[in-house]
Amino acid sequence: MIYRLTERDITYQITDYLHLLGAWVFKVRGALGQPPGTPDILFCWQGRFGAIEVKGPKGKVSEAQAGKG
């Protein structure tokens, strides 16, 4: 049996790893009023801020996400 990681699985792995590094991590959950294209994970590690958009194997980047950055 082949186990395929879902976007949720990948997100948990990333946040767990960032926590192990000692980073501050915030998992963004979609809400009304949130700007389109907001990344899934925000983090701060050693004084540096980062943002990660997680995509599963079949995930596609939206136009709003492609325009950020």
N, C-alpha and C. Protein backbone atom coordinates (compact mmCIF):
# COMPACT_ATOMS: atom_id res chain seq x y z
N MET A 1 0.84 -1.18 0.00
CA MET A 1 0.00 0.00 0.00
C MET A 1 0.89 1.25 0.00
N ILE A 2 0.59 2.17 -0.85
CA ILE A 2 1.34 3.42 -0.93
C ILE A 2 0.60 4.47 -0.12
N TYR A 3 1.33 5.08 0.80
CA TYR A 3 0.74 6.14 1.61
C TYR A 3 1.09 7.49 0.99
N ARG A 4 0.10 8.26 0.66
CA ARG A 4 0.32 9.57 0.06
C ARG A 4 0.08 10.64 1.14
N LEU A 5 1.05 11.51 1.28
CA LEU A 5 0.92 12.59 2.23
C LEU A 5 -0.10 13.61 1.73
N THR A 6 -0.95 14.04 2.62
CA THR A 6 -1.90 15.10 2.29
C THR A 6 -1.27 16.45 2.64
N GLU A 7 -1.90 17.51 2.19
CA GLU A 7 -1.42 18.85 2.52
C GLU A 7 -1.40 19.04 4.03
N ARG A 8 -2.39 18.49 4.70
CA ARG A 8 -2.46 18.58 6.16
C ARG A 8 -1.26 17.87 6.81
N ASP A 9 -0.93 16.67 6.34
CA ASP A 9 0.23 15.93 6.86
C ASP A 9 1.52 16.73 6.68
N ILE A 10 1.68 17.31 5.50
CA ILE A 10 2.88 18.08 5.20
C ILE A 10 2.96 19.31 6.11
N THR A 11 1.82 19.97 6.30
CA THR A 11 1.78 21.14 7.17
C THR A 11 2.20 20.78 8.59
N TYR A 12 1.69 19.68 9.12
CA TYR A 12 2.07 19.24 10.47
C TYR A 12 3.56 18.93 10.55
N GLN A 13 4.10 18.29 9.54
CA GLN A 13 5.53 17.98 9.55
C GLN A 13 6.37 19.25 9.56
N ILE A 14 5.98 20.22 8.77
CA ILE A 14 6.72 21.48 8.71
C ILE A 14 6.64 22.21 10.05
N THR A 15 5.43 22.34 10.61
CA THR A 15 5.29 23.06 11.88
C THR A 15 6.02 22.34 13.01
N ASP A 16 5.97 21.01 13.03
CA ASP A 16 6.70 20.25 14.06
C ASP A 16 8.20 20.50 13.94
N TYR A 17 8.73 20.50 12.73
CA TYR A 17 10.16 20.73 12.52
C TYR A 17 10.55 22.15 12.95
N LEU A 18 9.75 23.13 12.58
CA LEU A 18 10.04 24.50 12.98
C LEU A 18 10.03 24.65 14.50
N HIS A 19 9.08 23.99 15.17
CA HIS A 19 9.05 24.01 16.64
C HIS A 19 10.32 23.38 17.21
N LEU A 20 10.77 22.28 16.62
CA LEU A 20 12.00 21.63 17.09
C LEU A 20 13.21 22.57 16.98
N LEU A 21 13.20 23.42 15.96
CA LEU A 21 14.28 24.39 15.78
C LEU A 21 14.19 25.55 16.77
N GLY A 22 13.05 25.65 17.46
CA GLY A 22 12.85 26.74 18.41
C GLY A 22 12.17 27.95 17.80
N ALA A 23 11.55 27.77 16.66
CA ALA A 23 10.88 28.88 15.98
C ALA A 23 9.51 29.15 16.59
N TRP A 24 9.08 30.41 16.47
CA TRP A 24 7.70 30.76 16.76
C TRP A 24 6.93 30.45 15.49
N VAL A 25 5.82 29.71 15.63
CA VAL A 25 5.06 29.26 14.45
C VAL A 25 3.59 29.60 14.62
N PHE A 26 2.99 30.09 13.55
CA PHE A 26 1.56 30.38 13.54
C PHE A 26 0.95 29.73 12.30
N LYS A 27 -0.01 28.84 12.53
CA LYS A 27 -0.74 28.19 11.43
C LYS A 27 -1.93 29.06 11.08
N VAL A 28 -1.94 29.59 9.88
CA VAL A 28 -3.02 30.47 9.43
C VAL A 28 -4.23 29.62 9.05
N ARG A 29 -5.37 30.01 9.58
CA ARG A 29 -6.62 29.32 9.23
C ARG A 29 -7.48 30.34 8.49
N GLY A 30 -8.01 29.92 7.38
CA GLY A 30 -8.82 30.84 6.57
C GLY A 30 -9.99 31.41 7.34
N ALA A 31 -10.24 32.69 7.17
CA ALA A 31 -11.33 33.36 7.87
C ALA A 31 -11.87 34.48 6.99
N LEU A 32 -13.08 34.90 7.30
CA LEU A 32 -13.66 36.03 6.59
C LEU A 32 -12.80 37.27 6.80
N GLY A 33 -12.59 38.01 5.76
CA GLY A 33 -11.80 39.22 5.86
C GLY A 33 -10.31 39.02 5.66
N GLN A 34 -9.89 37.77 5.60
CA GLN A 34 -8.47 37.47 5.36
C GLN A 34 -8.15 37.71 3.89
N PRO A 35 -7.04 38.40 3.61
CA PRO A 35 -6.71 38.66 2.21
C PRO A 35 -6.45 37.37 1.44
N PRO A 36 -6.91 37.26 0.20
CA PRO A 36 -6.63 36.07 -0.61
C PRO A 36 -5.12 35.91 -0.80
N GLY A 37 -4.67 34.68 -0.80
CA GLY A 37 -3.26 34.39 -1.04
C GLY A 37 -2.41 34.37 0.21
N THR A 38 -3.02 34.52 1.40
CA THR A 38 -2.25 34.49 2.64
C THR A 38 -1.64 33.10 2.81
N PRO A 39 -0.33 33.01 3.13
CA PRO A 39 0.33 31.71 3.28
C PRO A 39 -0.25 30.87 4.42
N ASP A 40 0.01 29.57 4.39
CA ASP A 40 -0.51 28.64 5.39
C ASP A 40 0.23 28.73 6.73
N ILE A 41 1.53 28.99 6.69
CA ILE A 41 2.34 29.00 7.90
C ILE A 41 3.17 30.29 7.94
N LEU A 42 3.14 30.96 9.10
CA LEU A 42 4.01 32.10 9.36
C LEU A 42 4.94 31.70 10.49
N PHE A 43 6.21 32.08 10.40
CA PHE A 43 7.14 31.71 11.46
C PHE A 43 8.24 32.75 11.63
N CYS A 44 8.85 32.73 12.80
CA CYS A 44 9.99 33.58 13.09
C CYS A 44 11.05 32.70 13.72
N TRP A 45 12.25 32.70 13.14
CA TRP A 45 13.34 31.87 13.63
C TRP A 45 14.63 32.67 13.59
N GLN A 46 15.27 32.75 14.72
CA GLN A 46 16.53 33.48 14.86
C GLN A 46 16.43 34.90 14.30
N GLY A 47 15.33 35.56 14.60
CA GLY A 47 15.15 36.95 14.19
C GLY A 47 14.71 37.14 12.75
N ARG A 48 14.44 36.07 12.06
CA ARG A 48 14.01 36.17 10.66
C ARG A 48 12.57 35.69 10.52
N PHE A 49 11.82 36.41 9.74
CA PHE A 49 10.42 36.08 9.49
C PHE A 49 10.30 35.30 8.20
N GLY A 50 9.41 34.31 8.20
CA GLY A 50 9.18 33.54 6.98
C GLY A 50 7.72 33.16 6.84
N ALA A 51 7.35 32.83 5.64
CA ALA A 51 5.98 32.41 5.34
C ALA A 51 6.06 31.25 4.36
N ILE A 52 5.23 30.23 4.60
CA ILE A 52 5.24 29.03 3.76
C ILE A 52 3.83 28.74 3.27
N GLU A 53 3.70 28.54 1.99
CA GLU A 53 2.44 28.08 1.38
C GLU A 53 2.63 26.60 1.09
N VAL A 54 1.81 25.77 1.70
CA VAL A 54 1.93 24.32 1.57
C VAL A 54 1.00 23.83 0.46
N LYS A 55 1.54 22.98 -0.39
CA LYS A 55 0.74 22.36 -1.45
C LYS A 55 0.98 20.87 -1.43
N GLY A 56 -0.09 20.11 -1.55
CA GLY A 56 0.02 18.67 -1.66
C GLY A 56 0.41 18.30 -3.08
N PRO A 57 0.51 17.01 -3.35
CA PRO A 57 0.93 16.56 -4.68
C PRO A 57 0.07 17.09 -5.83
N LYS A 58 -1.20 17.31 -5.58
CA LYS A 58 -2.09 17.78 -6.64
C LYS A 58 -2.46 19.26 -6.47
N GLY A 59 -1.84 19.93 -5.51
CA GLY A 59 -2.17 21.32 -5.22
C GLY A 59 -1.72 22.27 -6.32
N LYS A 60 -2.48 23.32 -6.51
CA LYS A 60 -2.17 24.34 -7.51
C LYS A 60 -2.10 25.70 -6.82
N VAL A 61 -1.21 26.53 -7.29
CA VAL A 61 -1.08 27.88 -6.75
C VAL A 61 -2.16 28.75 -7.38
N SER A 62 -2.90 29.46 -6.53
CA SER A 62 -3.96 30.34 -7.05
C SER A 62 -3.33 31.61 -7.60
N GLU A 63 -4.12 32.38 -8.34
CA GLU A 63 -3.62 33.65 -8.88
C GLU A 63 -3.22 34.60 -7.75
N ALA A 64 -4.01 34.60 -6.68
CA ALA A 64 -3.71 35.48 -5.54
C ALA A 64 -2.39 35.07 -4.89
N GLN A 65 -2.14 33.77 -4.78
CA GLN A 65 -0.89 33.30 -4.17
C GLN A 65 0.31 33.60 -5.07
N ALA A 66 0.14 33.47 -6.35
CA ALA A 66 1.23 33.73 -7.29
C ALA A 66 1.61 35.19 -7.30
N GLY A 67 0.65 36.07 -6.99
CA GLY A 67 0.91 37.50 -6.99
C GLY A 67 1.61 38.00 -5.75
N LYS A 68 1.64 37.18 -4.68
CA LYS A 68 2.32 37.57 -3.43
C LYS A 68 3.80 37.26 -3.59
N GLY A 69 4.62 38.11 -3.02
CA GLY A 69 6.04 37.76 -3.01
C GLY A 69 6.82 38.73 -3.72
